[in-house]
PDB file of all heavy atoms in Angstrom:
ATOM      1  N   SER A   1       0.849  -1.197  -0.007  1.00  0.00           N
ATOM      2  CA  SER A   1       0.005   0.004  -0.001  1.00  0.00           C
ATOM      3  C   SER A   1       0.881   1.241   0.000  1.00  0.00           C
ATOM      4  O   SER A   1       2.014   1.216   0.499  1.00  0.00           O
ATOM      5  CB  SER A   1      -0.922   0.011   1.229  1.00  0.00           C
ATOM      6  OG  SER A   1      -0.170  -0.024   2.413  1.00  0.00           O
ATOM      7  N   LEU A   2       0.346   2.317  -0.540  1.00  0.00           N
ATOM      8  CA  LEU A   2       1.088   3.564  -0.595  1.00  0.00           C
ATOM      9  C   LEU A   2       1.235   4.161   0.789  1.00  0.00           C
ATOM     10  O   LEU A   2       0.318   4.109   1.613  1.00  0.00           O
ATOM     11  CB  LEU A   2       0.377   4.551  -1.521  1.00  0.00           C
ATOM     12  CG  LEU A   2       0.301   4.169  -2.998  1.00  0.00           C
ATOM     13  CD1 LEU A   2      -0.527   5.198  -3.767  1.00  0.00           C
ATOM     14  CD2 LEU A   2       1.697   4.059  -3.599  1.00  0.00           C
ATOM     15  N   MET A   3       2.398   4.740   1.043  1.00  0.00           N
ATOM     16  CA  MET A   3       2.679   5.337   2.341  1.00  0.00           C
ATOM     17  C   MET A   3       3.529   6.584   2.131  1.00  0.00           C
ATOM     18  O   MET A   3       4.403   6.599   1.263  1.00  0.00           O
ATOM     19  CB  MET A   3       3.416   4.341   3.252  1.00  0.00           C
ATOM     20  CG  MET A   3       3.648   4.858   4.671  1.00  0.00           C
ATOM     21  SD  MET A   3       4.614   3.683   5.678  1.00  0.00           S
ATOM     22  CE  MET A   3       3.507   2.257   5.691  1.00  0.00           C
ATOM     23  N   GLN A   4       3.270   7.604   2.896  1.00  0.00           N
ATOM     24  CA  GLN A   4       4.054   8.827   2.800  1.00  0.00           C
ATOM     25  C   GLN A   4       5.502   8.543   3.174  1.00  0.00           C
ATOM     26  O   GLN A   4       5.806   7.704   4.026  1.00  0.00           O
ATOM     27  CB  GLN A   4       3.475   9.896   3.706  1.00  0.00           C
ATOM     28  CG  GLN A   4       2.094  10.386   3.302  1.00  0.00           C
ATOM     29  CD  GLN A   4       1.600  11.481   4.215  1.00  0.00           C
ATOM     30  OE1 GLN A   4       2.286  11.907   5.143  1.00  0.00           O
ATOM     31  NE2 GLN A   4       0.400  11.957   3.958  1.00  0.00           N
ATOM     32  N   THR A   5       6.419   9.290   2.531  1.00  0.00           N
ATOM     33  CA  THR A   5       7.839   9.099   2.791  1.00  0.00           C
ATOM     34  C   THR A   5       8.193   9.387   4.242  1.00  0.00           C
ATOM     35  O   THR A   5       9.004   8.686   4.840  1.00  0.00           O
ATOM     36  CB  THR A   5       8.663  10.002   1.862  1.00  0.00           C
ATOM     37  OG1 THR A   5       8.275   9.795   0.517  1.00  0.00           O
ATOM     38  CG2 THR A   5      10.157   9.709   2.029  1.00  0.00           C
ATOM     39  N   SER A   6       7.576  10.389   4.798  1.00  0.00           N
ATOM     40  CA  SER A   6       7.863  10.723   6.194  1.00  0.00           C
ATOM     41  C   SER A   6       7.420   9.592   7.117  1.00  0.00           C
ATOM     42  O   SER A   6       8.087   9.304   8.117  1.00  0.00           O
ATOM     43  CB  SER A   6       7.128  12.027   6.578  1.00  0.00           C
ATOM     44  OG  SER A   6       5.736  11.898   6.374  1.00  0.00           O
ATOM     45  N   ASP A   7       6.296   8.919   6.787  1.00  0.00           N
ATOM     46  CA  ASP A   7       5.833   7.794   7.608  1.00  0.00           C
ATOM     47  C   ASP A   7       6.809   6.621   7.501  1.00  0.00           C
ATOM     48  O   ASP A   7       7.041   5.918   8.502  1.00  0.00           O
ATOM     49  CB  ASP A   7       4.440   7.367   7.165  1.00  0.00           C
ATOM     50  CG  ASP A   7       3.381   8.401   7.512  1.00  0.00           C
ATOM     51  OD1 ASP A   7       3.697   9.301   8.311  1.00  0.00           O
ATOM     52  OD2 ASP A   7       2.267   8.298   6.970  1.00  0.00           O
ATOM     53  N   LYS A   8       7.372   6.394   6.314  1.00  0.00           N
ATOM     54  CA  LYS A   8       8.338   5.325   6.142  1.00  0.00           C
ATOM     55  C   LYS A   8       9.576   5.557   6.990  1.00  0.00           C
ATOM     56  O   LYS A   8      10.112   4.630   7.605  1.00  0.00           O
ATOM     57  CB  LYS A   8       8.731   5.198   4.675  1.00  0.00           C
ATOM     58  CG  LYS A   8       7.638   4.668   3.762  1.00  0.00           C
ATOM     59  CD  LYS A   8       8.146   4.534   2.348  1.00  0.00           C
ATOM     60  CE  LYS A   8       7.063   3.991   1.421  1.00  0.00           C
ATOM     61  NZ  LYS A   8       7.548   3.866   0.025  1.00  0.00           N
ATOM     62  N   VAL A   9      10.016   6.813   7.030  1.00  0.00           N
ATOM     63  CA  VAL A   9      11.207   7.150   7.819  1.00  0.00           C
ATOM     64  C   VAL A   9      10.948   6.957   9.309  1.00  0.00           C
ATOM     65  O   VAL A   9      11.756   6.357  10.029  1.00  0.00           O
ATOM     66  CB  VAL A   9      11.648   8.609   7.538  1.00  0.00           C
ATOM     67  CG1 VAL A   9      12.783   9.000   8.455  1.00  0.00           C
ATOM     68  CG2 VAL A   9      12.065   8.751   6.084  1.00  0.00           C
ATOM     69  N   LEU A  10       9.813   7.434   9.784  1.00  0.00           N
ATOM     70  CA  LEU A  10       9.486   7.298  11.203  1.00  0.00           C
ATOM     71  C   LEU A  10       9.224   5.852  11.577  1.00  0.00           C
ATOM     72  O   LEU A  10       9.500   5.441  12.713  1.00  0.00           O
ATOM     73  CB  LEU A  10       8.273   8.159  11.537  1.00  0.00           C
ATOM     74  CG  LEU A  10       8.503   9.666  11.536  1.00  0.00           C
ATOM     75  CD1 LEU A  10       7.204  10.425  11.709  1.00  0.00           C
ATOM     76  CD2 LEU A  10       9.484  10.064  12.653  1.00  0.00           C
ATOM     77  N   LEU A  11       8.699   5.068  10.643  1.00  0.00           N
ATOM     78  CA  LEU A  11       8.450   3.661  10.931  1.00  0.00           C
ATOM     79  C   LEU A  11       9.761   2.896  11.161  1.00  0.00           C
ATOM     80  O   LEU A  11       9.825   1.961  11.947  1.00  0.00           O
ATOM     81  CB  LEU A  11       7.664   3.031   9.776  1.00  0.00           C
ATOM     82  CG  LEU A  11       7.027   1.659  10.037  1.00  0.00           C
ATOM     83  CD1 LEU A  11       6.083   1.724  11.228  1.00  0.00           C
ATOM     84  CD2 LEU A  11       6.275   1.183   8.811  1.00  0.00           C
ATOM     85  N   ARG A  12      10.826   3.332  10.462  1.00  0.00           N
ATOM     86  CA  ARG A  12      12.142   2.728  10.681  1.00  0.00           C
ATOM     87  C   ARG A  12      12.714   3.101  12.045  1.00  0.00           C
ATOM     88  O   ARG A  12      13.591   2.427  12.562  1.00  0.00           O
ATOM     89  CB  ARG A  12      13.095   3.172   9.592  1.00  0.00           C
ATOM     90  CG  ARG A  12      12.731   2.675   8.182  1.00  0.00           C
ATOM     91  CD  ARG A  12      13.608   3.310   7.160  1.00  0.00           C
ATOM     92  NE  ARG A  12      13.187   2.980   5.794  1.00  0.00           N
ATOM     93  CZ  ARG A  12      13.669   3.569   4.703  1.00  0.00           C
ATOM     94  NH1 ARG A  12      14.591   4.519   4.811  1.00  0.00           N
ATOM     95  NH2 ARG A  12      13.233   3.209   3.510  1.00  0.00           N
ATOM     96  N   LYS A  13      12.218   4.195  12.607  1.00  0.00           N
ATOM     97  CA  LYS A  13      12.686   4.643  13.927  1.00  0.00           C
ATOM     98  C   LYS A  13      11.881   4.056  15.072  1.00  0.00           C
ATOM     99  O   LYS A  13      12.056   4.460  16.223  1.00  0.00           O
ATOM    100  CB  LYS A  13      12.582   6.182  13.999  1.00  0.00           C
ATOM    101  CG  LYS A  13      13.492   6.908  13.016  1.00  0.00           C
ATOM    102  CD  LYS A  13      14.951   6.705  13.361  1.00  0.00           C
ATOM    103  CE  LYS A  13      15.862   7.513  12.448  1.00  0.00           C
ATOM    104  NZ  LYS A  13      17.284   7.327  12.829  1.00  0.00           N
ATOM    105  N   ARG A  14      11.019   3.090  14.780  1.00  0.00           N
ATOM    106  CA  ARG A  14      10.171   2.500  15.814  1.00  0.00           C
ATOM    107  C   ARG A  14      10.987   1.768  16.871  1.00  0.00           C
ATOM    108  O   ARG A  14      10.503   1.520  17.992  1.00  0.00           O
ATOM    109  CB  ARG A  14       9.163   1.536  15.160  1.00  0.00           C
ATOM    110  CG  ARG A  14       7.957   1.210  16.023  1.00  0.00           C
ATOM    111  CD  ARG A  14       7.296  -0.044  15.559  1.00  0.00           C
ATOM    112  NE  ARG A  14       8.187  -1.190  15.648  1.00  0.00           N
ATOM    113  CZ  ARG A  14       8.420  -1.845  16.772  1.00  0.00           C
ATOM    114  NH1 ARG A  14       7.825  -1.500  17.896  1.00  0.00           N
ATOM    115  NH2 ARG A  14       9.256  -2.873  16.791  1.00  0.00           N
ATOM    116  N   ALA A  15      12.230   1.431  16.551  1.00  0.00           N
ATOM    117  CA  ALA A  15      13.097   0.754  17.529  1.00  0.00           C
ATOM    118  C   ALA A  15      13.363   1.620  18.754  1.00  0.00           C
ATOM    119  O   ALA A  15      13.861   1.119  19.770  1.00  0.00           O
ATOM    120  CB  ALA A  15      14.417   0.369  16.876  1.00  0.00           C
ATOM    121  N   LEU A  16      13.003   2.897  18.670  1.00  0.00           N
ATOM    122  CA  LEU A  16      13.187   3.802  19.815  1.00  0.00           C
ATOM    123  C   LEU A  16      12.427   3.285  21.042  1.00  0.00           C
ATOM    124  O   LEU A  16      12.949   3.320  22.162  1.00  0.00           O
ATOM    125  CB  LEU A  16      12.718   5.202  19.457  1.00  0.00           C
ATOM    126  CG  LEU A  16      12.724   6.251  20.570  1.00  0.00           C
ATOM    127  CD1 LEU A  16      14.161   6.552  21.001  1.00  0.00           C
ATOM    128  CD2 LEU A  16      12.016   7.524  20.139  1.00  0.00           C
ATOM    129  N   VAL A  17      11.200   2.803  20.831  1.00  0.00           N
ATOM    130  CA  VAL A  17      10.405   2.334  21.960  1.00  0.00           C
ATOM    131  C   VAL A  17      10.973   1.047  22.552  1.00  0.00           C
ATOM    132  O   VAL A  17      10.881   0.807  23.752  1.00  0.00           O
ATOM    133  CB  VAL A  17       8.934   2.137  21.526  1.00  0.00           C
ATOM    134  CG1 VAL A  17       8.793   1.008  20.515  1.00  0.00           C
ATOM    135  CG2 VAL A  17       8.041   1.879  22.724  1.00  0.00           C
ATOM    136  N   GLU A  18      11.619   0.235  21.733  1.00  0.00           N
ATOM    137  CA  GLU A  18      12.282  -0.955  22.241  1.00  0.00           C
ATOM    138  C   GLU A  18      13.508  -0.592  23.084  1.00  0.00           C
ATOM    139  O   GLU A  18      13.837  -1.289  24.046  1.00  0.00           O
ATOM    140  CB  GLU A  18      12.689  -1.860  21.077  1.00  0.00           C
ATOM    141  CG  GLU A  18      11.493  -2.388  20.268  1.00  0.00           C
ATOM    142  CD  GLU A  18      11.905  -3.223  19.084  1.00  0.00           C
ATOM    143  OE1 GLU A  18      13.136  -3.380  18.885  1.00  0.00           O
ATOM    144  OE2 GLU A  18      11.023  -3.724  18.367  1.00  0.00           O
ATOM    145  N   THR A  19      14.171   0.496  22.726  1.00  0.00           N
ATOM    146  CA  THR A  19      15.295   0.977  23.526  1.00  0.00           C
ATOM    147  C   THR A  19      14.818   1.437  24.899  1.00  0.00           C
ATOM    148  O   THR A  19      15.488   1.202  25.918  1.00  0.00           O
ATOM    149  CB  THR A  19      16.010   2.129  22.817  1.00  0.00           C
ATOM    150  OG1 THR A  19      16.391   1.719  21.507  1.00  0.00           O
ATOM    151  CG2 THR A  19      17.247   2.586  23.572  1.00  0.00           C
ATOM    152  N   VAL A  20      13.659   2.090  24.927  1.00  0.00           N
ATOM    153  CA  VAL A  20      13.065   2.513  26.215  1.00  0.00           C
ATOM    154  C   VAL A  20      12.744   1.308  27.080  1.00  0.00           C
ATOM    155  O   VAL A  20      13.008   1.297  28.286  1.00  0.00           O
ATOM    156  CB  VAL A  20      11.834   3.379  25.970  1.00  0.00           C
ATOM    157  CG1 VAL A  20      11.144   3.714  27.295  1.00  0.00           C
ATOM    158  CG2 VAL A  20      12.201   4.666  25.243  1.00  0.00           C
ATOM    159  N   ASN A  21      12.156   0.282  26.482  1.00  0.00           N
ATOM    160  CA  ASN A  21      11.868  -0.949  27.233  1.00  0.00           C
ATOM    161  C   ASN A  21      13.139  -1.566  27.783  1.00  0.00           C
ATOM    162  O   ASN A  21      13.149  -2.088  28.902  1.00  0.00           O
ATOM    163  CB  ASN A  21      11.154  -1.950  26.320  1.00  0.00           C
ATOM    164  CG  ASN A  21       9.692  -1.582  26.090  1.00  0.00           C
ATOM    165  OD1 ASN A  21       9.047  -1.009  26.950  1.00  0.00           O
ATOM    166  ND2 ASN A  21       9.184  -1.943  24.938  1.00  0.00           N
ATOM    167  N   ASP A  22      14.209  -1.524  27.018  1.00  0.00           N
ATOM    168  CA  ASP A  22      15.487  -2.063  27.460  1.00  0.00           C
ATOM    169  C   ASP A  22      16.018  -1.271  28.653  1.00  0.00           C
ATOM    170  O   ASP A  22      16.569  -1.844  29.605  1.00  0.00           O
ATOM    171  CB  ASP A  22      16.488  -2.047  26.303  1.00  0.00           C
ATOM    172  CG  ASP A  22      17.817  -2.696  26.674  1.00  0.00           C
ATOM    173  OD1 ASP A  22      17.835  -3.925  26.831  1.00  0.00           O
ATOM    174  OD2 ASP A  22      18.804  -1.961  26.819  1.00  0.00           O
ATOM    175  N   GLU A  23      15.868   0.050  28.627  1.00  0.00           N
ATOM    176  CA  GLU A  23      16.290   0.887  29.759  1.00  0.00           C
ATOM    177  C   GLU A  23      15.487   0.543  31.011  1.00  0.00           C
ATOM    178  O   GLU A  23      16.047   0.428  32.111  1.00  0.00           O
ATOM    179  CB  GLU A  23      16.104   2.362  29.405  1.00  0.00           C
ATOM    180  CG  GLU A  23      17.124   2.921  28.429  1.00  0.00           C
ATOM    181  CD  GLU A  23      18.420   3.286  29.117  1.00  0.00           C
ATOM    182  OE1 GLU A  23      18.466   3.285  30.353  1.00  0.00           O
ATOM    183  OE2 GLU A  23      19.407   3.580  28.406  1.00  0.00           O
ATOM    184  N   LEU A  24      14.194   0.384  30.845  1.00  0.00           N
ATOM    185  CA  LEU A  24      13.335   0.089  31.999  1.00  0.00           C
ATOM    186  C   LEU A  24      13.693  -1.239  32.636  1.00  0.00           C
ATOM    187  O   LEU A  24      13.680  -1.378  33.862  1.00  0.00           O
ATOM    188  CB  LEU A  24      11.862   0.089  31.567  1.00  0.00           C
ATOM    189  CG  LEU A  24      11.256   1.427  31.177  1.00  0.00           C
ATOM    190  CD1 LEU A  24       9.874   1.237  30.593  1.00  0.00           C
ATOM    191  CD2 LEU A  24      11.183   2.364  32.391  1.00  0.00           C
ATOM    192  N   LYS A  25      14.051  -2.228  31.800  1.00  0.00           N
ATOM    193  CA  LYS A  25      14.334  -3.560  32.335  1.00  0.00           C
ATOM    194  C   LYS A  25      15.729  -3.669  32.924  1.00  0.00           C
ATOM    195  O   LYS A  25      15.916  -4.209  34.010  1.00  0.00           O
ATOM    196  CB  LYS A  25      14.143  -4.608  31.228  1.00  0.00           C
ATOM    197  CG  LYS A  25      12.711  -4.906  30.902  1.00  0.00           C
ATOM    198  CD  LYS A  25      12.618  -6.062  29.935  1.00  0.00           C
ATOM    199  CE  LYS A  25      11.191  -6.489  29.724  1.00  0.00           C
ATOM    200  NZ  LYS A  25      11.079  -7.661  28.829  1.00  0.00           N
ATOM    201  N   ASN A  26      16.725  -3.183  32.191  1.00  0.00           N
ATOM    202  CA  ASN A  26      18.112  -3.405  32.597  1.00  0.00           C
ATOM    203  C   ASN A  26      18.634  -2.353  33.561  1.00  0.00           C
ATOM    204  O   ASN A  26      19.469  -2.649  34.424  1.00  0.00           O
ATOM    205  CB  ASN A  26      19.009  -3.442  31.343  1.00  0.00           C
ATOM    206  CG  ASN A  26      18.688  -4.610  30.438  1.00  0.00           C
ATOM    207  OD1 ASN A  26      18.344  -5.684  30.915  1.00  0.00           O
ATOM    208  ND2 ASN A  26      18.776  -4.412  29.129  1.00  0.00           N
ATOM    209  N   THR A  27      18.173  -1.105  33.426  1.00  0.00           N
ATOM    210  CA  THR A  27      18.662  -0.046  34.312  1.00  0.00           C
ATOM    211  C   THR A  27      17.789   0.089  35.554  1.00  0.00           C
ATOM    212  O   THR A  27      18.299   0.241  36.666  1.00  0.00           O
ATOM    213  CB  THR A  27      18.715   1.298  33.561  1.00  0.00           C
ATOM    214  OG1 THR A  27      19.507   1.151  32.377  1.00  0.00           O
ATOM    215  CG2 THR A  27      19.302   2.387  34.432  1.00  0.00           C
ATOM    216  N   TYR A  28      16.469   0.055  35.366  1.00  0.00           N
ATOM    217  CA  TYR A  28      15.549   0.279  36.494  1.00  0.00           C
ATOM    218  C   TYR A  28      14.880  -0.998  36.989  1.00  0.00           C
ATOM    219  O   TYR A  28      14.036  -0.935  37.872  1.00  0.00           O
ATOM    220  CB  TYR A  28      14.507   1.326  36.086  1.00  0.00           C
ATOM    221  CG  TYR A  28      15.166   2.626  35.705  1.00  0.00           C
ATOM    222  CD1 TYR A  28      15.270   3.009  34.371  1.00  0.00           C
ATOM    223  CD2 TYR A  28      15.736   3.456  36.664  1.00  0.00           C
ATOM    224  CE1 TYR A  28      15.903   4.192  34.014  1.00  0.00           C
ATOM    225  CE2 TYR A  28      16.358   4.632  36.324  1.00  0.00           C
ATOM    226  CZ  TYR A  28      16.447   4.993  34.986  1.00  0.00           C
ATOM    227  OH  TYR A  28      17.089   6.151  34.645  1.00  0.00           O
ATOM    228  N   GLN A  29      15.218  -2.119  36.400  1.00  0.00           N
ATOM    229  CA  GLN A  29      14.861  -3.445  36.914  1.00  0.00           C
ATOM    230  C   GLN A  29      13.378  -3.601  37.224  1.00  0.00           C
ATOM    231  O   GLN A  29      12.989  -4.037  38.305  1.00  0.00           O
ATOM    232  CB  GLN A  29      15.692  -3.757  38.156  1.00  0.00           C
ATOM    233  CG  GLN A  29      17.175  -3.786  37.902  1.00  0.00           C
ATOM    234  CD  GLN A  29      17.991  -4.088  39.146  1.00  0.00           C
ATOM    235  OE1 GLN A  29      17.446  -4.278  40.225  1.00  0.00           O
ATOM    236  NE2 GLN A  29      19.299  -4.134  38.993  1.00  0.00           N
ATOM    237  N   ILE A  30      12.551  -3.242  36.246  1.00  0.00           N
ATOM    238  CA  ILE A  30      11.112  -3.456  36.446  1.00  0.00           C
ATOM    239  C   ILE A  30      10.745  -4.925  36.264  1.00  0.00           C
ATOM    240  O   ILE A  30       9.631  -5.339  36.595  1.00  0.00           O
ATOM    241  CB  ILE A  30      10.280  -2.595  35.474  1.00  0.00           C
ATOM    242  CG1 ILE A  30      10.555  -3.018  34.015  1.00  0.00           C
ATOM    243  CG2 ILE A  30      10.558  -1.117  35.674  1.00  0.00           C
ATOM    244  CD1 ILE A  30       9.613  -2.379  33.010  1.00  0.00           C
ATOM    245  N   GLU A  31      11.683  -5.724  35.749  1.00  0.00           N
ATOM    246  CA  GLU A  31      11.459  -7.154  35.575  1.00  0.00           C
ATOM    247  C   GLU A  31      12.491  -7.954  36.357  1.00  0.00           C
ATOM    248  O   GLU A  31      13.678  -7.854  36.093  1.00  0.00           O
ATOM    249  CB  GLU A  31      11.534  -7.550  34.094  1.00  0.00           C
ATOM    250  CG  GLU A  31      11.317  -9.049  33.864  1.00  0.00           C
ATOM    251  CD  GLU A  31      11.664  -9.476  32.448  1.00  0.00           C
ATOM    252  OE1 GLU A  31      12.676  -9.015  31.893  1.00  0.00           O
ATOM    253  OE2 GLU A  31      10.910 -10.299  31.892  1.00  0.00           O
ATOM    254  N   HIS A  32      12.029  -8.730  37.338  1.00  0.00           N
ATOM    255  CA  HIS A  32      12.887  -9.704  38.019  1.00  0.00           C
ATOM    256  C   HIS A  32      11.985 -10.757  38.658  1.00  0.00           C
ATOM    257  O   HIS A  32      10.768 -10.626  38.702  1.00  0.00           O
ATOM    258  CB  HIS A  32      13.799  -9.040  39.048  1.00  0.00           C
ATOM    259  CG  HIS A  32      13.089  -8.376  40.181  1.00  0.00           C
ATOM    260  ND1 HIS A  32      12.580  -9.073  41.251  1.00  0.00           N
ATOM    261  CD2 HIS A  32      12.824  -7.064  40.433  1.00  0.00           C
ATOM    262  CE1 HIS A  32      12.030  -8.223  42.103  1.00  0.00           C
ATOM    263  NE2 HIS A  32      12.161  -7.011  41.626  1.00  0.00           N
ATOM    264  N   THR A  33      12.570 -11.825  39.118  1.00  0.00           N
ATOM    265  CA  THR A  33      11.798 -12.969  39.621  1.00  0.00           C
ATOM    266  C   THR A  33      11.878 -13.108  41.137  1.00  0.00           C
ATOM    267  O   THR A  33      11.705 -14.200  41.663  1.00  0.00           O
ATOM    268  CB  THR A  33      12.328 -14.268  38.955  1.00  0.00           C
ATOM    269  OG1 THR A  33      13.724 -14.407  39.246  1.00  0.00           O
ATOM    270  CG2 THR A  33      12.129 -14.226  37.447  1.00  0.00           C
ATOM    271  N   ARG A  34      12.098 -12.001  41.831  1.00  0.00           N
ATOM    272  CA  ARG A  34      12.245 -12.060  43.301  1.00  0.00           C
ATOM    273  C   ARG A  34      11.063 -11.462  44.020  1.00  0.00           C
ATOM    274  O   ARG A  34      11.147 -11.219  45.236  1.00  0.00           O
ATOM    275  CB  ARG A  34      13.535 -11.341  43.715  1.00  0.00           C
ATOM    276  CG  ARG A  34      14.796 -11.919  43.092  1.00  0.00           C
ATOM    277  CD  ARG A  34      16.045 -11.217  43.591  1.00  0.00           C
ATOM    278  NE  ARG A  34      16.026  -9.791  43.297  1.00  0.00           N
ATOM    279  CZ  ARG A  34      16.369  -9.254  42.148  1.00  0.00           C
ATOM    280  NH1 ARG A  34      16.741 -10.036  41.128  1.00  0.00           N
ATOM    281  NH2 ARG A  34      16.339  -7.955  41.958  1.00  0.00           N
ATOM    282  N   HIS A  35       9.976 -11.188  43.334  1.00  0.00           N
ATOM    283  CA  HIS A  35       8.793 -10.606  43.964  1.00  0.00           C
ATOM    284  C   HIS A  35       8.143 -11.631  44.883  1.00  0.00           C
ATOM    285  O   HIS A  35       8.121 -12.816  44.587  1.00  0.00           O
ATOM    286  CB  HIS A  35       7.803 -10.140  42.916  1.00  0.00           C
ATOM    287  CG  HIS A  35       8.278  -9.008  42.080  1.00  0.00           C
ATOM    288  ND1 HIS A  35       8.572  -7.762  42.567  1.00  0.00           N
ATOM    289  CD2 HIS A  35       8.536  -8.946  40.740  1.00  0.00           C
ATOM    290  CE1 HIS A  35       8.975  -6.970  41.581  1.00  0.00           C
ATOM    291  NE2 HIS A  35       8.968  -7.669  40.469  1.00  0.00           N
ATOM    292  N   ARG A  36       7.596 -11.147  45.998  1.00  0.00           N
ATOM    293  CA  ARG A  36       6.905 -12.011  46.945  1.00  0.00           C
ATOM    294  C   ARG A  36       5.439 -11.626  47.147  1.00  0.00           C
ATOM    295  O   ARG A  36       4.770 -12.212  47.963  1.00  0.00           O
ATOM    296  CB  ARG A  36       7.649 -11.980  48.288  1.00  0.00           C
ATOM    297  CG  ARG A  36       9.043 -12.614  48.230  1.00  0.00           C
ATOM    298  CD  ARG A  36       8.927 -14.089  47.869  1.00  0.00           C
ATOM    299  NE  ARG A  36      10.245 -14.707  47.646  1.00  0.00           N
ATOM    300  CZ  ARG A  36      10.813 -14.883  46.471  1.00  0.00           C
ATOM    301  NH1 ARG A  36      10.183 -14.472  45.385  1.00  0.00           N
ATOM    302  NH2 ARG A  36      11.974 -15.467  46.352  1.00  0.00           N
ATOM    303  N   SER A  37       4.960 -10.643  46.387  1.00  0.00           N
ATOM    304  CA  SER A  37       3.535 -10.289  46.429  1.00  0.00           C
ATOM    305  C   SER A  37       3.196  -9.445  45.213  1.00  0.00           C
ATOM    306  O   SER A  37       4.082  -8.836  44.597  1.00  0.00           O
ATOM    307  CB  SER A  37       3.192  -9.515  47.714  1.00  0.00           C
ATOM    308  OG  SER A  37       3.759  -8.223  47.691  1.00  0.00           O
ATOM    309  N   VAL A  38       1.928  -9.404  44.864  1.00  0.00           N
ATOM    310  CA  VAL A  38       1.465  -8.615  43.727  1.00  0.00           C
ATOM    311  C   VAL A  38       1.641  -7.122  43.994  1.00  0.00           C
ATOM    312  O   VAL A  38       2.015  -6.358  43.099  1.00  0.00           O
ATOM    313  CB  VAL A  38      -0.003  -8.920  43.425  1.00  0.00           C
ATOM    314  CG1 VAL A  38      -0.504  -8.096  42.249  1.00  0.00           C
ATOM    315  CG2 VAL A  38      -0.197 -10.405  43.114  1.00  0.00           C
ATOM    316  N   ASP A  39       1.400  -6.720  45.250  1.00  0.00           N
ATOM    317  CA  ASP A  39       1.527  -5.292  45.603  1.00  0.00           C
ATOM    318  C   ASP A  39       2.946  -4.782  45.382  1.00  0.00           C
ATOM    319  O   ASP A  39       3.155  -3.692  44.859  1.00  0.00           O
ATOM    320  CB  ASP A  39       1.115  -5.068  47.057  1.00  0.00           C
ATOM    321  CG  ASP A  39      -0.362  -5.366  47.279  1.00  0.00           C
ATOM    322  OD1 ASP A  39      -1.138  -5.248  46.307  1.00  0.00           O
ATOM    323  OD2 ASP A  39      -0.736  -5.732  48.411  1.00  0.00           O
ATOM    324  N   ASN A  40       3.918  -5.587  45.776  1.00  0.00           N
ATOM    325  CA  ASN A  40       5.304  -5.149  45.600  1.00  0.00           C
ATOM    326  C   ASN A  40       5.730  -5.180  44.139  1.00  0.00           C
ATOM    327  O   ASN A  40       6.597  -4.400  43.736  1.00  0.00           O
ATOM    328  CB  ASN A  40       6.229  -6.030  46.435  1.00  0.00           C
ATOM    329  CG  ASN A  40       6.120  -5.748  47.922  1.00  0.00           C
ATOM    330  OD1 ASN A  40       5.609  -4.698  48.303  1.00  0.00           O
ATOM    331  ND2 ASN A  40       6.578  -6.670  48.748  1.00  0.00           N
TER     332      ASN A  40
END
C-alpha cells in the first residue's frame, strides 16, 4: 500500500520504543523474579 515518505522514515525509527523498554528492564529493573507479592 502507498505510504508517505515521512511515515516510512518514522516507521524505521520505531526501535526507539524498544530501547526505552530495554532501559526500564536493565537499568531500572522493572522485571525480576524475586517478587513475593502482587503489591510489591
